[in-house]
Amino acid sequence: MSYALYERLTANLKSIQAKIANANVELMVVSKYATTEQLFAQIVNGCTLIGENYVQEAHRKYKSLQLIRTIFSQPEYLESLRKNSFPKELEQDFALETWQDIQFLTNYGQKLENRDFILHIQQMLAQVKLHIIGNVQSRKINEVCSFADSIDAVSSEKALLKIQQGAQKQNKVMQVLLQLRSPLAQGDNRAGCSQEEIFTLAQLINSLENVSLQGLMFIASTENLPSEYEFAHNTFLQLQEKYQITTLSMGMTDSLDVAIQNGSTQVRIGSALFK
């Protein structure tokens, strides 16, 4: 990565951070249109909450980040990276294409010999949480449960039961957000649950040992009215009275202010960070 590109990505991040500095919200980096190299740059900058829309792309980046984490765990692997020599002992766990996907690391040059930089990367990668924020087809839920930390757009009983099965196979507890539908949503924008359905699904989750409800995800209609965000916040508060939820994932680049004003605890930013 060129220094100019890194500086631009860092400036993008600082711009977003300045907009949310006075709000009690966490920043989710949406890497839908980002390369692994660009995503890694923002991880270096301290962004460890990652959202991906597509399962295949999420799994690919997950494998690349896992390989980076493995390489930074052993000095001999870092030496192999500097020599562009794929360690034979890693060939069983990682594909050659994954190795090729992380070759941008060689551009970090002497930093790869800096103990403080290596420690920083180890710490950041250990904190990364990967969320699937797009709708997941039933046939892909098992795959998602094998690598992701959370599924953030759940809207059906069928999906929840599949998640329970997939998480149980992995001997893990999968975090989920229920997707709340705006009352003004129409046509293709009608993904998600009604308020009534949210409470029904929350009750179901309460009976599932391997699924943990963290809160709600909300996307406003194309009208993007303040009343929609008020509706989402009110639903969140009602749900919070019955369940120990903490996350209202609401607000993107063009709706940061209105989302924050209406109680968002997490904003999802993509292209504004990587343009």
C-alpha atoms as a PDB file:
ATOM      1  CA  MET A   1       0.000   0.000   0.000  1.00  0.00           C
ATOM      2  CA  SER A   2       1.325   3.416  -0.905  1.00  0.00           C
ATOM      3  CA  TYR A   3       1.742   5.944   1.880  1.00  0.00           C
ATOM      4  CA  ALA A   4      -0.638   8.294   0.032  1.00  0.00           C
ATOM      5  CA  LEU A   5      -3.396   5.658   0.021  1.00  0.00           C
ATOM      6  CA  TYR A   6      -2.892   4.904   3.707  1.00  0.00           C
ATOM      7  CA  GLU A   7      -3.032   8.626   4.496  1.00  0.00           C
ATOM      8  CA  ARG A   8      -6.295   8.959   2.558  1.00  0.00           C
ATOM      9  CA  LEU A   9      -7.926   6.031   4.363  1.00  0.00           C
ATOM     10  CA  THR A  10      -6.757   7.430   7.700  1.00  0.00           C
ATOM     11  CA  ALA A  11      -8.195  10.848   6.821  1.00  0.00           C
ATOM     12  CA  ASN A  12     -11.517   9.211   5.907  1.00  0.00           C
ATOM     13  CA  LEU A  13     -11.626   7.498   9.284  1.00  0.00           C
ATOM     14  CA  LYS A  14     -10.777  10.676  11.193  1.00  0.00           C
ATOM     15  CA  SER A  15     -13.577  12.500   9.353  1.00  0.00           C
ATOM     16  CA  ILE A  16     -16.150   9.916  10.444  1.00  0.00           C
ATOM     17  CA  GLN A  17     -14.758   9.779  13.974  1.00  0.00           C
ATOM     18  CA  ALA A  18     -15.109  13.554  14.240  1.00  0.00           C
ATOM     19  CA  LYS A  19     -18.792  13.313  13.299  1.00  0.00           C
ATOM     20  CA  ILE A  20     -19.550  10.760  16.014  1.00  0.00           C
ATOM     21  CA  ALA A  21     -17.075  11.978  18.635  1.00  0.00           C
ATOM     22  CA  ASN A  22     -19.749  13.381  20.937  1.00  0.00           C
ATOM     23  CA  ALA A  23     -22.069  10.396  20.613  1.00  0.00           C
ATOM     24  CA  ASN A  24     -21.953   7.159  22.560  1.00  0.00           C
ATOM     25  CA  VAL A  25     -21.878   4.939  19.480  1.00  0.00           C
ATOM     26  CA  GLU A  26     -19.528   2.292  18.162  1.00  0.00           C
ATOM     27  CA  LEU A  27     -18.311   2.347  14.583  1.00  0.00           C
ATOM     28  CA  MET A  28     -18.813  -0.692  12.379  1.00  0.00           C
ATOM     29  CA  VAL A  29     -16.596  -0.711   9.305  1.00  0.00           C
ATOM     30  CA  VAL A  30     -18.543  -2.121   6.357  1.00  0.00           C
ATOM     31  CA  SER A  31     -15.999  -3.667   4.007  1.00  0.00           C
ATOM     32  CA  LYS A  32     -18.394  -4.576   1.195  1.00  0.00           C
ATOM     33  CA  TYR A  33     -16.421  -2.614  -1.403  1.00  0.00           C
ATOM     34  CA  ALA A  34     -13.016  -2.751   0.299  1.00  0.00           C
ATOM     35  CA  THR A  35     -10.083  -4.927  -0.627  1.00  0.00           C
ATOM     36  CA  THR A  36      -8.367  -6.961   2.080  1.00  0.00           C
ATOM     37  CA  GLU A  37      -5.526  -4.445   1.896  1.00  0.00           C
ATOM     38  CA  GLN A  38      -7.856  -1.500   2.551  1.00  0.00           C
ATOM     39  CA  LEU A  39      -9.632  -3.342   5.352  1.00  0.00           C
ATOM     40  CA  PHE A  40      -6.326  -4.218   6.990  1.00  0.00           C
ATOM     41  CA  ALA A  41      -5.299  -0.556   6.895  1.00  0.00           C
ATOM     42  CA  GLN A  42      -8.374   0.390   8.923  1.00  0.00           C
ATOM     43  CA  ILE A  43      -7.712  -2.482  11.337  1.00  0.00           C
ATOM     44  CA  VAL A  44      -4.221  -1.026  11.804  1.00  0.00           C
ATOM     45  CA  ASN A  45      -6.035   2.240  12.581  1.00  0.00           C
ATOM     46  CA  GLY A  46      -7.966   0.495  15.352  1.00  0.00           C
ATOM     47  CA  CYS A  47     -11.203  -0.487  13.603  1.00  0.00           C
ATOM     48  CA  THR A  48     -12.016  -4.009  14.773  1.00  0.00           C
ATOM     49  CA  LEU A  49     -15.800  -4.201  14.343  1.00  0.00           C
ATOM     50  CA  ILE A  50     -16.251  -5.410  10.760  1.00  0.00           C
ATOM     51  CA  GLY A  51     -19.475  -5.851   8.795  1.00  0.00           C
ATOM     52  CA  GLU A  52     -19.739  -7.760   5.507  1.00  0.00           C
ATOM     53  CA  ASN A  53     -22.813  -8.101   3.303  1.00  0.00           C
ATOM     54  CA  TYR A  54     -21.910 -11.201   1.330  1.00  0.00           C
ATOM     55  CA  VAL A  55     -21.039 -14.571   2.833  1.00  0.00           C
ATOM     56  CA  GLN A  56     -18.480 -15.603   0.212  1.00  0.00           C
ATOM     57  CA  GLU A  57     -16.585 -12.314   0.437  1.00  0.00           C
ATOM     58  CA  ALA A  58     -16.759 -12.355   4.237  1.00  0.00           C
ATOM     59  CA  HIS A  59     -15.329 -15.875   4.380  1.00  0.00           C
ATOM     60  CA  ARG A  60     -12.533 -14.963   1.961  1.00  0.00           C
ATOM     61  CA  LYS A  61     -11.478 -11.947   4.026  1.00  0.00           C
ATOM     62  CA  TYR A  62     -11.805 -13.955   7.234  1.00  0.00           C
ATOM     63  CA  LYS A  63      -9.318 -16.519   5.896  1.00  0.00           C
ATOM     64  CA  SER A  64      -6.917 -13.770   4.853  1.00  0.00           C
ATOM     65  CA  LEU A  65      -7.093 -12.128   8.277  1.00  0.00           C
ATOM     66  CA  GLN A  66      -6.560 -15.500   9.941  1.00  0.00           C
ATOM     67  CA  LEU A  67      -3.458 -16.061   7.830  1.00  0.00           C
ATOM     68  CA  ILE A  68      -2.148 -12.597   8.717  1.00  0.00           C
ATOM     69  CA  ARG A  69      -2.764 -13.344  12.387  1.00  0.00           C
ATOM     70  CA  THR A  70      -0.883 -16.638  12.067  1.00  0.00           C
ATOM     71  CA  ILE A  71       2.047 -15.003  10.286  1.00  0.00           C
ATOM     72  CA  PHE A  72       2.348 -12.274  12.909  1.00  0.00           C
ATOM     73  CA  SER A  73       2.419 -14.920  15.625  1.00  0.00           C
ATOM     74  CA  GLN A  74       5.756 -16.415  14.536  1.00  0.00           C
ATOM     75  CA  PRO A  75       8.979 -14.570  13.599  1.00  0.00           C
ATOM     76  CA  GLU A  76       9.885 -17.266  11.066  1.00  0.00           C
ATOM     77  CA  TYR A  77       6.577 -16.733   9.260  1.00  0.00           C
ATOM     78  CA  LEU A  78       7.237 -12.999   9.043  1.00  0.00           C
ATOM     79  CA  GLU A  79      10.656 -13.793   7.601  1.00  0.00           C
ATOM     80  CA  SER A  80       8.998 -16.039   5.004  1.00  0.00           C
ATOM     81  CA  LEU A  81       6.619 -13.197   4.156  1.00  0.00           C
ATOM     82  CA  ARG A  82       9.510 -10.805   3.612  1.00  0.00           C
ATOM     83  CA  LYS A  83      11.056 -13.379   1.258  1.00  0.00           C
ATOM     84  CA  ASN A  84       7.679 -14.027  -0.424  1.00  0.00           C
ATOM     85  CA  SER A  85       7.992 -17.712   0.440  1.00  0.00           C
ATOM     86  CA  PHE A  86       4.776 -19.470   1.488  1.00  0.00           C
ATOM     87  CA  PRO A  87       5.647 -21.553   4.604  1.00  0.00           C
ATOM     88  CA  LYS A  88       5.033 -25.211   3.771  1.00  0.00           C
ATOM     89  CA  GLU A  89       3.564 -25.927   7.209  1.00  0.00           C
ATOM     90  CA  LEU A  90       0.755 -23.447   6.448  1.00  0.00           C
ATOM     91  CA  GLU A  91      -0.187 -24.953   3.085  1.00  0.00           C
ATOM     92  CA  GLN A  92      -2.518 -27.445   4.759  1.00  0.00           C
ATOM     93  CA  ASP A  93      -4.636 -24.742   6.419  1.00  0.00           C
ATOM     94  CA  PHE A  94      -4.467 -21.924   3.876  1.00  0.00           C
ATOM     95  CA  ALA A  95      -4.824 -21.850   0.101  1.00  0.00           C
ATOM     96  CA  LEU A  96      -2.215 -20.274  -2.160  1.00  0.00           C
ATOM     97  CA  GLU A  97      -4.765 -17.657  -3.234  1.00  0.00           C
ATOM     98  CA  THR A  98      -5.109 -16.586   0.415  1.00  0.00           C
ATOM     99  CA  TRP A  99      -1.331 -16.189   0.613  1.00  0.00           C
ATOM    100  CA  GLN A 100      -1.426 -14.113  -2.566  1.00  0.00           C
ATOM    101  CA  ASP A 101      -4.223 -11.960  -1.131  1.00  0.00           C
ATOM    102  CA  ILE A 102      -1.991 -10.773   1.718  1.00  0.00           C
ATOM    103  CA  GLN A 103       1.138  -9.977  -0.300  1.00  0.00           C
ATOM    104  CA  PHE A 104       0.393  -6.291   0.208  1.00  0.00           C
ATOM    105  CA  LEU A 105       1.929  -6.749   3.673  1.00  0.00           C
ATOM    106  CA  THR A 106       5.393  -6.636   2.112  1.00  0.00           C
ATOM    107  CA  ASN A 107       4.726  -2.945   1.392  1.00  0.00           C
ATOM    108  CA  TYR A 108       4.950  -2.295   5.130  1.00  0.00           C
ATOM    109  CA  GLY A 109       8.690  -2.847   4.758  1.00  0.00           C
ATOM    110  CA  GLN A 110      10.733  -2.274   7.896  1.00  0.00           C
ATOM    111  CA  LYS A 111       7.595  -2.076  10.046  1.00  0.00           C
ATOM    112  CA  LEU A 112       7.477  -5.872   9.776  1.00  0.00           C
ATOM    113  CA  GLU A 113      10.648  -5.887  11.896  1.00  0.00           C
ATOM    114  CA  ASN A 114       9.313  -3.397  14.445  1.00  0.00           C
ATOM    115  CA  ARG A 115       8.286  -5.143  17.683  1.00  0.00           C
ATOM    116  CA  ASP A 116       5.790  -2.429  18.640  1.00  0.00           C
ATOM    117  CA  PHE A 117       4.105  -2.631  15.231  1.00  0.00           C
ATOM    118  CA  ILE A 118       3.973  -6.426  15.399  1.00  0.00           C
ATOM    119  CA  LEU A 119       2.455  -6.300  18.887  1.00  0.00           C
ATOM    120  CA  HIS A 120      -0.100  -3.712  17.745  1.00  0.00           C
ATOM    121  CA  ILE A 121      -1.172  -5.898  14.823  1.00  0.00           C
ATOM    122  CA  GLN A 122      -1.463  -8.935  17.092  1.00  0.00           C
ATOM    123  CA  GLN A 123      -3.659  -6.979  19.505  1.00  0.00           C
ATOM    124  CA  MET A 124      -5.899  -5.523  16.788  1.00  0.00           C
ATOM    125  CA  LEU A 125      -6.433  -8.843  14.999  1.00  0.00           C
ATOM    126  CA  ALA A 126      -7.264 -10.547  18.299  1.00  0.00           C
ATOM    127  CA  GLN A 127     -10.053  -8.008  18.789  1.00  0.00           C
ATOM    128  CA  VAL A 128     -11.624  -8.273  15.321  1.00  0.00           C
ATOM    129  CA  LYS A 129     -15.303  -9.218  15.317  1.00  0.00           C
ATOM    130  CA  LEU A 130     -16.823 -10.159  11.971  1.00  0.00           C
ATOM    131  CA  HIS A 131     -20.541  -9.574  11.488  1.00  0.00           C
ATOM    132  CA  ILE A 132     -22.656 -10.641   8.527  1.00  0.00           C
ATOM    133  CA  ILE A 133     -24.983  -7.706   7.935  1.00  0.00           C
ATOM    134  CA  GLY A 134     -26.739  -8.876   4.767  1.00  0.00           C
ATOM    135  CA  ASN A 135     -29.537 -11.384   4.448  1.00  0.00           C
ATOM    136  CA  VAL A 136     -28.152 -14.929   4.642  1.00  0.00           C
ATOM    137  CA  GLN A 137     -29.674 -17.755   2.619  1.00  0.00           C
ATOM    138  CA  SER A 138     -30.674 -20.768   4.719  1.00  0.00           C
ATOM    139  CA  ARG A 139     -28.202 -23.035   2.918  1.00  0.00           C
ATOM    140  CA  LYS A 140     -25.311 -20.735   3.899  1.00  0.00           C
ATOM    141  CA  ILE A 141     -26.102 -20.386   7.598  1.00  0.00           C
ATOM    142  CA  ASN A 142     -23.967 -23.384   8.609  1.00  0.00           C
ATOM    143  CA  GLU A 143     -21.012 -21.866   6.773  1.00  0.00           C
ATOM    144  CA  VAL A 144     -21.538 -18.502   8.461  1.00  0.00           C
ATOM    145  CA  CYS A 145     -21.648 -20.149  11.877  1.00  0.00           C
ATOM    146  CA  SER A 146     -18.232 -21.666  11.191  1.00  0.00           C
ATOM    147  CA  PHE A 147     -16.422 -18.320  10.997  1.00  0.00           C
ATOM    148  CA  ALA A 148     -18.558 -15.262  11.822  1.00  0.00           C
ATOM    149  CA  ASP A 149     -19.208 -13.769  15.250  1.00  0.00           C
ATOM    150  CA  SER A 150     -22.682 -12.416  14.549  1.00  0.00           C
ATOM    151  CA  ILE A 151     -25.540 -12.421  12.048  1.00  0.00           C
ATOM    152  CA  ASP A 152     -27.152  -9.005  12.058  1.00  0.00           C
ATOM    153  CA  ALA A 153     -30.145  -9.211   9.724  1.00  0.00           C
ATOM    154  CA  VAL A 154     -32.236 -12.079  11.110  1.00  0.00           C
ATOM    155  CA  SER A 155     -35.941 -11.889  10.385  1.00  0.00           C
ATOM    156  CA  SER A 156     -37.484 -15.364  10.505  1.00  0.00           C
ATOM    157  CA  GLU A 157     -38.045 -18.348  12.763  1.00  0.00           C
ATOM    158  CA  LYS A 158     -36.580 -20.619  10.086  1.00  0.00           C
ATOM    159  CA  ALA A 159     -33.307 -18.672  10.094  1.00  0.00           C
ATOM    160  CA  LEU A 160     -33.076 -18.738  13.885  1.00  0.00           C
ATOM    161  CA  LEU A 161     -33.557 -22.497  14.045  1.00  0.00           C
ATOM    162  CA  LYS A 162     -30.876 -22.946  11.375  1.00  0.00           C
ATOM    163  CA  ILE A 163     -28.533 -20.686  13.333  1.00  0.00           C
ATOM    164  CA  GLN A 164     -29.169 -22.743  16.462  1.00  0.00           C
ATOM    165  CA  GLN A 165     -28.229 -25.922  14.562  1.00  0.00           C
ATOM    166  CA  GLY A 166     -25.146 -24.359  12.978  1.00  0.00           C
ATOM    167  CA  ALA A 167     -23.896 -22.810  16.212  1.00  0.00           C
ATOM    168  CA  GLN A 168     -24.461 -26.047  18.102  1.00  0.00           C
ATOM    169  CA  LYS A 169     -22.305 -27.908  15.560  1.00  0.00           C
ATOM    170  CA  GLN A 170     -19.536 -25.365  16.142  1.00  0.00           C
ATOM    171  CA  ASN A 171     -19.985 -25.557  19.919  1.00  0.00           C
ATOM    172  CA  LYS A 172     -20.419 -21.788  20.072  1.00  0.00           C
ATOM    173  CA  VAL A 173     -23.033 -19.168  20.859  1.00  0.00           C
ATOM    174  CA  MET A 174     -23.907 -17.110  17.804  1.00  0.00           C
ATOM    175  CA  GLN A 175     -24.860 -13.511  18.413  1.00  0.00           C
ATOM    176  CA  VAL A 176     -27.724 -12.093  16.375  1.00  0.00           C
ATOM    177  CA  LEU A 177     -29.540  -8.860  15.715  1.00  0.00           C
ATOM    178  CA  LEU A 178     -33.161  -8.949  14.617  1.00  0.00           C
ATOM    179  CA  GLN A 179     -33.853  -6.724  11.622  1.00  0.00           C
ATOM    180  CA  LEU A 180     -36.727  -4.334  12.267  1.00  0.00           C
ATOM    181  CA  ARG A 181     -38.696  -3.193   9.229  1.00  0.00           C
ATOM    182  CA  SER A 182     -39.766   0.418   8.889  1.00  0.00           C
ATOM    183  CA  PRO A 183     -43.564   0.951   8.812  1.00  0.00           C
ATOM    184  CA  LEU A 184     -42.961   3.064   5.684  1.00  0.00           C
ATOM    185  CA  ALA A 185     -40.975   0.404   3.822  1.00  0.00           C
ATOM    186  CA  GLN A 186     -42.408  -0.720   0.504  1.00  0.00           C
ATOM    187  CA  GLY A 187     -41.557  -3.140  -2.290  1.00  0.00           C
ATOM    188  CA  ASP A 188     -37.960  -4.351  -2.324  1.00  0.00           C
ATOM    189  CA  ASN A 189     -37.262  -2.333   0.809  1.00  0.00           C
ATOM    190  CA  ARG A 190     -39.532  -4.490   2.971  1.00  0.00           C
ATOM    191  CA  ALA A 191     -36.851  -6.755   4.412  1.00  0.00           C
ATOM    192  CA  GLY A 192     -37.087  -7.329   8.134  1.00  0.00           C
ATOM    193  CA  CYS A 193     -39.765  -7.891  10.770  1.00  0.00           C
ATOM    194  CA  SER A 194     -42.720  -5.956  12.024  1.00  0.00           C
ATOM    195  CA  GLN A 195     -42.615  -4.808  15.636  1.00  0.00           C
ATOM    196  CA  GLU A 196     -44.935  -7.651  16.625  1.00  0.00           C
ATOM    197  CA  GLU A 197     -42.741 -10.222  14.882  1.00  0.00           C
ATOM    198  CA  ILE A 198     -39.661  -8.845  16.672  1.00  0.00           C
ATOM    199  CA  PHE A 199     -41.126  -9.730  20.055  1.00  0.00           C
ATOM    200  CA  THR A 200     -42.214 -13.179  18.865  1.00  0.00           C
ATOM    201  CA  LEU A 201     -38.710 -13.968  17.573  1.00  0.00           C
ATOM    202  CA  ALA A 202     -37.076 -12.568  20.703  1.00  0.00           C
ATOM    203  CA  GLN A 203     -39.140 -14.983  22.773  1.00  0.00           C
ATOM    204  CA  LEU A 204     -37.995 -17.857  20.555  1.00  0.00           C
ATOM    205  CA  ILE A 205     -34.338 -16.842  20.918  1.00  0.00           C
ATOM    206  CA  ASN A 206     -34.776 -16.953  24.668  1.00  0.00           C
ATOM    207  CA  SER A 207     -35.322 -20.712  24.346  1.00  0.00           C
ATOM    208  CA  LEU A 208     -32.308 -21.349  22.071  1.00  0.00           C
ATOM    209  CA  GLU A 209     -29.111 -22.289  23.911  1.00  0.00           C
ATOM    210  CA  ASN A 210     -26.711 -21.397  21.099  1.00  0.00           C
ATOM    211  CA  VAL A 211     -28.230 -18.092  19.981  1.00  0.00           C
ATOM    212  CA  SER A 212     -27.817 -14.809  21.838  1.00  0.00           C
ATOM    213  CA  LEU A 213     -29.959 -11.760  21.069  1.00  0.00           C
ATOM    214  CA  GLN A 214     -27.874  -8.583  21.136  1.00  0.00           C
ATOM    215  CA  GLY A 215     -30.411  -6.114  19.804  1.00  0.00           C
ATOM    216  CA  LEU A 216     -31.898  -4.683  16.617  1.00  0.00           C
ATOM    217  CA  MET A 217     -30.702  -3.629  13.201  1.00  0.00           C
ATOM    218  CA  PHE A 218     -32.737  -0.982  11.416  1.00  0.00           C
ATOM    219  CA  ILE A 219     -32.690   0.490   7.921  1.00  0.00           C
ATOM    220  CA  ALA A 220     -35.081   3.345   7.184  1.00  0.00           C
ATOM    221  CA  SER A 221     -37.258   3.507   4.079  1.00  0.00           C
ATOM    222  CA  THR A 222     -36.229   5.563   1.054  1.00  0.00           C
ATOM    223  CA  GLU A 223     -38.128   8.484   2.632  1.00  0.00           C
ATOM    224  CA  ASN A 224     -35.644   8.417   5.519  1.00  0.00           C
ATOM    225  CA  LEU A 225     -37.885  10.316   7.948  1.00  0.00           C
ATOM    226  CA  PRO A 226     -36.981  11.076  11.584  1.00  0.00           C
ATOM    227  CA  SER A 227     -40.201   9.352  12.689  1.00  0.00           C
ATOM    228  CA  GLU A 228     -38.815   6.037  11.406  1.00  0.00           C
ATOM    229  CA  TYR A 229     -35.777   6.316  13.657  1.00  0.00           C
ATOM    230  CA  GLU A 230     -38.018   7.243  16.590  1.00  0.00           C
ATOM    231  CA  PHE A 231     -40.052   4.102  15.885  1.00  0.00           C
ATOM    232  CA  ALA A 232     -36.895   1.965  15.903  1.00  0.00           C
ATOM    233  CA  HIS A 233     -35.659   3.490  19.142  1.00  0.00           C
ATOM    234  CA  ASN A 234     -39.023   3.002  20.860  1.00  0.00           C
ATOM    235  CA  THR A 235     -39.089  -0.638  19.752  1.00  0.00           C
ATOM    236  CA  PHE A 236     -35.554  -1.089  21.066  1.00  0.00           C
ATOM    237  CA  LEU A 237     -36.486   0.375  24.456  1.00  0.00           C
ATOM    238  CA  GLN A 238     -39.546  -1.867  24.732  1.00  0.00           C
ATOM    239  CA  LEU A 239     -37.460  -4.919  23.866  1.00  0.00           C
ATOM    240  CA  GLN A 240     -34.791  -3.844  26.337  1.00  0.00           C
ATOM    241  CA  GLU A 241     -37.351  -3.951  29.147  1.00  0.00           C
ATOM    242  CA  LYS A 242     -37.704  -7.710  28.655  1.00  0.00           C
ATOM    243  CA  TYR A 243     -34.284  -8.788  27.377  1.00  0.00           C
ATOM    244  CA  GLN A 244     -30.684  -7.841  28.083  1.00  0.00           C
ATOM    245  CA  ILE A 245     -29.926  -6.196  24.757  1.00  0.00           C
ATOM    246  CA  THR A 246     -27.429  -3.418  24.148  1.00  0.00           C
ATOM    247  CA  THR A 247     -27.232  -2.821  20.395  1.00  0.00           C
ATOM    248  CA  LEU A 248     -29.373  -0.627  18.171  1.00  0.00           C
ATOM    249  CA  SER A 249     -27.494  -0.760  14.879  1.00  0.00           C
ATOM    250  CA  MET A 250     -28.910   2.188  12.995  1.00  0.00           C
ATOM    251  CA  GLY A 251     -27.417   4.878  10.807  1.00  0.00           C
ATOM    252  CA  MET A 252     -25.181   5.013   7.760  1.00  0.00           C
ATOM    253  CA  THR A 253     -23.162   7.780   6.128  1.00  0.00           C
ATOM    254  CA  ASP A 254     -26.186   9.790   4.993  1.00  0.00           C
ATOM    255  CA  SER A 255     -28.187   9.280   8.187  1.00  0.00           C
ATOM    256  CA  LEU A 256     -25.635   9.584  10.979  1.00  0.00           C
ATOM    257  CA  ASP A 257     -27.126  12.635  12.666  1.00  0.00           C
ATOM    258  CA  VAL A 258     -30.757  11.515  12.740  1.00  0.00           C
ATOM    259  CA  ALA A 259     -29.787   8.000  13.857  1.00  0.00           C
ATOM    260  CA  ILE A 260     -27.597   9.266  16.688  1.00  0.00           C
ATOM    261  CA  GLN A 261     -30.250  11.759  17.783  1.00  0.00           C
ATOM    262  CA  ASN A 262     -32.673   8.855  18.074  1.00  0.00           C
ATOM    263  CA  GLY A 263     -30.582   6.555  20.220  1.00  0.00           C
ATOM    264  CA  SER A 264     -28.406   4.546  17.842  1.00  0.00           C
ATOM    265  CA  THR A 265     -25.631   2.660  19.633  1.00  0.00           C
ATOM    266  CA  GLN A 266     -23.869   1.474  16.469  1.00  0.00           C
ATOM    267  CA  VAL A 267     -23.416   3.092  13.052  1.00  0.00           C
ATOM    268  CA  ARG A 268     -22.412   1.246   9.887  1.00  0.00           C
ATOM    269  CA  ILE A 269     -20.034   3.078   7.554  1.00  0.00           C
ATOM    270  CA  GLY A 270     -18.673   1.673   4.300  1.00  0.00           C
ATOM    271  CA  SER A 271     -17.722   3.623   1.179  1.00  0.00           C
ATOM    272  CA  ALA A 272     -17.016   6.847   3.114  1.00  0.00           C
ATOM    273  CA  LEU A 273     -14.114   5.034   4.792  1.00  0.00           C
ATOM    274  CA  PHE A 274     -12.635   3.527   1.650  1.00  0.00           C
ATOM    275  CA  LYS A 275     -13.243   6.059  -1.153  1.00  0.00           C
END
